[in-house]
């Protein structure tokens, strides 16, 4: 029987790169993108470099995704870094400076 680490190494994580502002009204397309990614991979790398605004509902989505799968956040924008730090989510979410580092972690 293979361990989760073996499954993760045999199938790459999907990379998604949402852009813009994310709140309750703009989350459904991102949620669908995450679902599609998870259908074809063992986890998700969120390239967060293009996120200019994110609210508590976006944070809820990140935490829920983190609990469901291997979520890695890459290249967070200043806005994302601030949000994660203010609520303490940077203590348990896996955050990497670049997409490449997230893929190789």
Protein backbone atom coordinates (compact mmCIF):
# COMPACT_ATOMS: atom_id res chain seq x y z
CA UNK A 1 0.00 0.00 0.00
CA UNK A 2 1.39 3.39 -0.91
CA UNK A 3 1.58 6.29 1.49
CA UNK A 4 0.20 9.75 0.68
CA UNK A 5 3.76 10.90 0.00
CA UNK A 6 4.13 8.29 -2.73
CA UNK A 7 0.85 9.28 -4.34
CA UNK A 8 1.86 12.94 -4.21
CA UNK A 9 5.18 12.28 -5.89
CA UNK A 10 3.64 10.19 -8.69
CA UNK A 11 1.08 12.83 -9.67
CA UNK A 12 2.05 16.50 -9.74
CA UNK A 13 0.09 19.14 -7.93
CA UNK A 14 -2.11 21.35 -10.09
CA UNK A 15 -1.15 25.01 -10.26
CA UNK A 16 -3.89 27.61 -10.35
CA UNK A 17 -3.23 31.34 -10.59
CA UNK A 18 -6.29 33.42 -9.76
CA UNK A 19 -6.07 37.15 -10.39
CA UNK A 20 -7.88 40.10 -8.88
CA UNK A 21 -10.19 40.53 -5.92
CA UNK A 22 -11.86 37.66 -4.06
CA UNK A 23 -14.90 37.99 -1.84
CA UNK A 24 -18.19 36.16 -1.40
CA UNK A 25 -19.45 37.16 -4.85
CA UNK A 26 -16.30 36.29 -6.78
CA UNK A 27 -15.42 32.99 -5.07
CA UNK A 28 -17.59 30.49 -7.01
CA UNK A 29 -15.35 30.40 -10.12
CA UNK A 30 -12.28 29.92 -7.91
CA UNK A 31 -14.02 27.14 -5.97
CA UNK A 32 -14.84 25.44 -9.28
CA UNK A 33 -11.23 25.82 -10.42
CA UNK A 34 -10.02 24.16 -7.21
CA UNK A 35 -12.52 21.31 -7.63
CA UNK A 36 -11.36 20.72 -11.21
CA UNK A 37 -7.74 20.75 -10.13
CA UNK A 38 -8.42 18.23 -7.36
CA UNK A 39 -10.18 15.90 -9.76
CA UNK A 40 -6.93 15.55 -11.69
CA UNK A 41 -4.19 15.86 -9.07
CA UNK A 42 -3.28 15.12 -5.49
CA UNK A 43 -3.27 18.74 -4.40
CA UNK A 44 -3.19 22.37 -5.42
CA UNK A 45 -0.55 25.04 -5.64
CA UNK A 46 -2.22 28.43 -5.45
CA UNK A 47 -0.06 31.02 -7.20
CA UNK A 48 -1.24 33.97 -5.10
CA UNK A 49 0.92 36.63 -6.76
CA UNK A 50 -2.03 38.18 -8.62
CA UNK A 51 -4.47 38.44 -5.73
CA UNK A 52 -5.11 42.10 -5.00
CA UNK A 53 -7.84 41.70 -2.35
CA UNK A 54 -9.14 38.79 -0.30
CA UNK A 55 -11.72 38.73 2.46
CA UNK A 56 -12.67 36.30 5.20
CA UNK A 57 -14.67 34.11 2.80
CA UNK A 58 -11.55 33.66 0.68
CA UNK A 59 -9.63 32.74 3.81
CA UNK A 60 -12.36 30.23 4.71
CA UNK A 61 -11.93 28.64 1.27
CA UNK A 62 -8.17 28.37 1.77
CA UNK A 63 -8.55 26.75 5.18
CA UNK A 64 -11.21 24.33 3.94
CA UNK A 65 -9.00 23.39 0.98
CA UNK A 66 -6.03 22.95 3.32
CA UNK A 67 -8.06 20.49 5.41
CA UNK A 68 -9.15 18.53 2.32
CA UNK A 69 -5.92 18.24 0.38
CA UNK A 70 -2.30 19.20 -0.06
CA UNK A 71 -2.59 22.98 -0.48
CA UNK A 72 0.52 25.05 -1.07
CA UNK A 73 0.38 28.81 -1.44
CA UNK A 74 3.08 30.26 -3.66
CA UNK A 75 4.34 33.78 -4.28
CA UNK A 76 1.76 35.52 -2.10
CA UNK A 77 1.12 39.15 -2.89
CA UNK A 78 1.66 41.69 -0.14
CA UNK A 79 -2.10 41.68 0.40
CA UNK A 80 -2.14 37.91 0.85
CA UNK A 81 0.86 37.93 3.18
CA UNK A 82 -0.82 40.56 5.36
CA UNK A 83 -4.13 38.65 5.50
CA UNK A 84 -2.45 35.38 6.44
CA UNK A 85 -0.30 37.06 9.08
CA UNK A 86 -3.12 39.08 10.68
CA UNK A 87 -5.24 35.98 11.31
CA UNK A 88 -2.30 33.69 12.09
CA UNK A 89 -2.97 31.40 9.14
CA UNK A 90 0.65 31.69 8.06
CA UNK A 91 1.47 29.49 11.06
CA UNK A 92 -0.25 26.43 9.59
CA UNK A 93 -0.75 27.03 5.86
CA UNK A 94 2.21 26.08 3.69
CA UNK A 95 3.48 29.26 2.05
CA UNK A 96 6.40 29.38 -0.39
CA UNK A 97 8.15 32.32 -2.06
CA UNK A 98 7.79 30.88 -5.58
CA UNK A 99 5.74 28.32 -7.51
CA UNK A 100 8.92 26.33 -8.20
CA UNK A 101 9.70 26.08 -4.48
CA UNK A 102 6.12 24.98 -3.79
CA UNK A 103 6.38 22.28 -6.47
CA UNK A 104 9.69 21.01 -5.13
CA UNK A 105 8.71 21.02 -1.45
